[in-house]
Amino acid sequence: MIYPQKNKIITWFFHSYILRIVKGNFHDVKFDRVGVEQDKSVLLLANHFSWWDGFLMYYLNEKVFKKSFNVMVIEETVQKVSFFKYMGAFSVSKNSREMLASLDYAAQLLNDPKNLVLIFPQGKLYSNFVDEVDFQKGLSKIMQAAAGKFQAIMAATFIENLQYKKPTVNVYLKIENELPDIQSAYQQHYNNAKQQQTKTVV
């Protein structure tokens, strides 16, 4: 697997780059305010629908969670976009022995309250307004290994232009304490968020 690499200069450059392109390409980024426990890490679960997803969650971390950012990314993607590893990306390779190493690494990160670990449980890109959010295997193993050390926070993101030339990002956040059935909890949160989003009237 590919591990994150810390380099202050490179990381600072891409940190500035991400914040700049998010501000430059969107009219606004709106999000809910949630209470973050400083003595726990954050496991951030998000829907995956665009090239922007990781950048938007990085931006959200800077504004809300203020933790050390880490994200699980498919290994082929990290190989193609090498700078991801300087922004906290670590790889996962499905259906391989290295997958267990990636899951263990994610759990280790969650043992440190300074960390945020972003996971896209769908595992690949889907429509922004898909009805069903299906989780890939592995998330439960991470959660079991790091039980009691983290807050699980669900993010459902929707992007629309409406009356503006540039699109607006709406990130609906919810802390989830009922961890045994996290997929059902996320599906309910996603449904509620989509319903709220589609009721937007200008």
Protein backbone atom coordinates (compact mmCIF):
# COMPACT_ATOMS: atom_id res chain seq x y z
CA MET A 1 0.00 0.00 0.00
CA ILE A 2 0.98 3.62 -0.42
CA TYR A 3 1.34 5.65 2.77
CA PRO A 4 1.03 9.43 3.19
CA GLN A 5 4.26 11.41 2.92
CA LYS A 6 4.83 14.51 4.98
CA ASN A 7 6.67 17.34 3.29
CA LYS A 8 5.99 20.79 4.71
CA ILE A 9 6.73 22.73 1.53
CA ILE A 10 4.78 20.47 -0.86
CA THR A 11 1.91 20.08 1.59
CA TRP A 12 1.70 23.85 2.13
CA PHE A 13 1.64 24.44 -1.64
CA PHE A 14 -1.23 22.03 -2.28
CA HIS A 15 -3.06 23.21 0.85
CA SER A 16 -3.09 26.73 -0.59
CA TYR A 17 -3.98 25.38 -4.03
CA ILE A 18 -7.00 23.42 -2.78
CA LEU A 19 -8.41 26.31 -0.77
CA ARG A 20 -7.93 28.62 -3.75
CA ILE A 21 -9.64 26.41 -6.35
CA VAL A 22 -12.59 25.68 -4.07
CA LYS A 23 -13.16 29.38 -3.46
CA GLY A 24 -12.63 30.20 -7.13
CA ASN A 25 -14.90 27.56 -8.63
CA PHE A 26 -17.92 27.70 -6.34
CA HIS A 27 -20.32 30.49 -5.45
CA ASP A 28 -20.47 29.20 -1.85
CA VAL A 29 -19.79 26.14 0.29
CA LYS A 30 -22.50 25.69 2.89
CA PHE A 31 -22.38 23.18 5.73
CA ASP A 32 -23.98 22.32 9.04
CA ARG A 33 -22.24 23.09 12.31
CA VAL A 34 -21.60 20.00 14.43
CA GLY A 35 -19.96 19.58 17.81
CA VAL A 36 -16.50 18.04 17.48
CA GLU A 37 -15.03 16.31 20.53
CA GLN A 38 -11.39 17.31 20.79
CA ASP A 39 -10.44 14.12 22.62
CA LYS A 40 -11.65 11.94 19.74
CA SER A 41 -10.65 11.55 16.12
CA VAL A 42 -13.17 11.99 13.30
CA LEU A 43 -14.29 9.27 10.89
CA LEU A 44 -15.89 11.23 8.05
CA LEU A 45 -18.15 9.22 5.74
CA ALA A 46 -19.13 10.95 2.50
CA ASN A 47 -20.93 10.24 -0.76
CA HIS A 48 -18.72 10.04 -3.83
CA PHE A 49 -19.98 11.69 -7.02
CA SER A 50 -17.29 13.95 -8.48
CA TRP A 51 -13.64 14.87 -8.95
CA TRP A 52 -14.21 17.58 -6.34
CA ASP A 53 -15.17 15.33 -3.42
CA GLY A 54 -11.81 14.98 -1.71
CA PHE A 55 -11.02 18.67 -2.16
CA LEU A 56 -14.39 19.72 -0.73
CA MET A 57 -13.94 17.48 2.31
CA TYR A 58 -10.43 18.88 2.79
CA TYR A 59 -11.92 22.39 2.69
CA LEU A 60 -14.60 21.30 5.15
CA ASN A 61 -11.97 19.95 7.53
CA GLU A 62 -10.19 23.30 7.49
CA LYS A 63 -13.44 25.11 8.33
CA VAL A 64 -15.13 22.72 10.77
CA PHE A 65 -13.07 19.85 12.16
CA LYS A 66 -9.54 21.28 12.09
CA LYS A 67 -7.91 17.86 12.34
CA SER A 68 -4.98 16.29 10.53
CA PHE A 69 -6.51 15.23 7.19
CA ASN A 70 -6.24 11.64 5.96
CA VAL A 71 -8.21 9.97 3.17
CA MET A 72 -8.48 6.42 1.88
CA VAL A 73 -8.07 6.38 -1.91
CA ILE A 74 -8.05 3.57 -4.48
CA GLU A 75 -4.41 2.66 -5.15
CA GLU A 76 -4.61 3.27 -8.91
CA THR A 77 -5.74 6.84 -8.23
CA VAL A 78 -2.86 7.57 -5.84
CA GLN A 79 -0.44 6.21 -8.43
CA LYS A 80 -1.89 8.47 -11.14
CA VAL A 81 -2.19 11.59 -8.97
CA SER A 82 1.01 11.42 -6.95
CA PHE A 83 0.50 14.64 -4.97
CA PHE A 84 -2.45 13.06 -3.14
CA LYS A 85 -0.03 11.33 -0.78
CA TYR A 86 1.24 14.74 0.37
CA MET A 87 -2.33 15.64 1.38
CA GLY A 88 -2.86 12.64 3.64
CA ALA A 89 -3.96 10.05 1.07
CA PHE A 90 -3.24 6.38 1.73
CA SER A 91 -4.13 3.64 -0.70
CA VAL A 92 -6.47 0.70 -0.60
CA SER A 93 -6.41 -2.12 -3.13
CA LYS A 94 -9.63 -4.10 -3.30
CA ASN A 95 -9.56 -7.88 -3.36
CA SER A 96 -5.92 -8.09 -2.33
CA ARG A 97 -3.97 -9.01 0.78
CA GLU A 98 -2.89 -5.39 1.13
CA MET A 99 -6.49 -4.37 1.78
CA LEU A 100 -6.20 -5.58 5.39
CA ALA A 101 -3.10 -3.43 5.85
CA SER A 102 -5.06 -0.39 4.63
CA LEU A 103 -7.93 -1.11 7.02
CA ASP A 104 -5.52 -1.56 9.92
CA TYR A 105 -3.77 1.69 9.04
CA ALA A 106 -7.06 3.59 8.98
CA ALA A 107 -7.92 2.21 12.43
CA GLN A 108 -4.49 3.23 13.75
CA LEU A 109 -5.05 6.78 12.51
CA LEU A 110 -8.38 6.90 14.32
CA ASN A 111 -6.67 6.01 17.60
CA ASP A 112 -5.10 9.50 17.57
CA PRO A 113 -7.56 12.30 18.44
CA LYS A 114 -5.63 14.72 16.23
CA ASN A 115 -6.66 12.85 13.08
CA LEU A 116 -9.55 12.88 10.65
CA VAL A 117 -9.99 9.92 8.31
CA LEU A 118 -12.18 10.45 5.26
CA ILE A 119 -13.71 7.39 3.62
CA PHE A 120 -16.02 7.20 0.62
CA PRO A 121 -17.84 3.95 1.49
CA GLN A 122 -19.35 3.58 -1.98
CA GLY A 123 -15.88 2.86 -3.30
CA LYS A 124 -16.50 4.47 -6.72
CA LEU A 125 -18.30 7.37 -8.35
CA TYR A 126 -22.09 7.51 -8.56
CA SER A 127 -24.62 10.17 -9.55
CA ASN A 128 -24.98 13.06 -7.12
CA PHE A 129 -28.69 12.23 -6.77
CA VAL A 130 -28.58 8.43 -6.69
CA ASP A 131 -31.30 6.87 -4.51
CA GLU A 132 -29.34 4.07 -2.84
CA VAL A 133 -25.94 4.50 -1.19
CA ASP A 134 -24.33 1.07 -1.06
CA PHE A 135 -21.27 0.56 1.12
CA GLN A 136 -18.32 -1.59 0.12
CA LYS A 137 -16.84 -4.06 2.58
CA GLY A 138 -14.21 -3.10 5.14
CA LEU A 139 -15.69 -0.13 6.99
CA SER A 140 -17.02 -2.25 9.85
CA LYS A 141 -13.54 -3.69 10.49
CA ILE A 142 -12.08 -0.21 10.82
CA MET A 143 -14.83 0.87 13.19
CA GLN A 144 -14.48 -2.21 15.35
CA ALA A 145 -10.70 -1.86 15.60
CA ALA A 146 -10.93 1.82 16.66
CA ALA A 147 -14.11 1.53 18.74
CA GLY A 148 -14.50 4.30 21.33
CA LYS A 149 -11.70 6.41 19.87
CA PHE A 150 -13.58 8.36 17.19
CA GLN A 151 -16.70 10.31 16.28
CA ALA A 152 -18.48 9.08 13.17
CA ILE A 153 -19.75 12.02 11.13
CA MET A 154 -21.83 11.56 8.00
CA ALA A 155 -21.61 14.02 5.12
CA ALA A 156 -24.13 14.11 2.29
CA THR A 157 -23.06 16.62 -0.37
CA PHE A 158 -25.11 18.08 -3.21
CA ILE A 159 -24.04 20.63 -5.83
CA GLU A 160 -26.40 22.83 -7.86
CA ASN A 161 -26.16 26.10 -9.76
CA LEU A 162 -29.73 27.38 -9.37
CA GLN A 163 -29.63 31.19 -9.84
CA TYR A 164 -25.82 31.55 -9.89
CA LYS A 165 -23.27 31.08 -12.66
CA LYS A 166 -21.05 29.15 -10.29
CA PRO A 167 -22.49 26.17 -8.39
CA THR A 168 -23.16 26.13 -4.66
CA VAL A 169 -22.04 23.23 -2.50
CA ASN A 170 -24.34 22.07 0.29
CA VAL A 171 -22.84 19.63 2.80
CA TYR A 172 -25.33 18.14 5.23
CA LEU A 173 -23.53 16.86 8.33
CA LYS A 174 -24.74 14.61 11.11
CA ILE A 175 -22.98 12.91 14.02
CA GLU A 176 -23.91 9.25 14.21
CA ASN A 177 -23.76 7.42 17.53
CA GLU A 178 -25.58 4.25 16.45
CA LEU A 179 -22.54 2.59 14.94
CA PRO A 180 -23.61 -1.06 14.52
CA ASP A 181 -25.79 -0.25 11.49
CA ILE A 182 -23.89 2.64 9.99
CA GLN A 183 -25.03 1.98 6.40
CA SER A 184 -28.72 2.24 7.31
CA ALA A 185 -27.98 5.37 9.35
CA TYR A 186 -26.13 6.92 6.44
CA GLN A 187 -28.90 6.02 4.00
CA GLN A 188 -31.46 7.73 6.23
CA HIS A 189 -29.26 10.81 6.56
CA TYR A 190 -28.70 10.88 2.80
CA ASN A 191 -32.43 10.59 2.11
CA ASN A 192 -33.23 13.43 4.50
CA ALA A 193 -30.48 15.61 3.04
CA LYS A 194 -31.61 14.98 -0.56
CA GLN A 195 -35.19 15.75 0.36
CA GLN A 196 -34.09 19.00 1.98
CA GLN A 197 -31.94 19.87 -1.04
CA THR A 198 -34.69 19.23 -3.59
CA LYS A 199 -37.08 21.48 -1.65
CA THR A 200 -34.81 24.46 -2.30
CA VAL A 201 -36.79 27.20 -4.02
CA VAL A 202 -35.36 30.49 -5.32
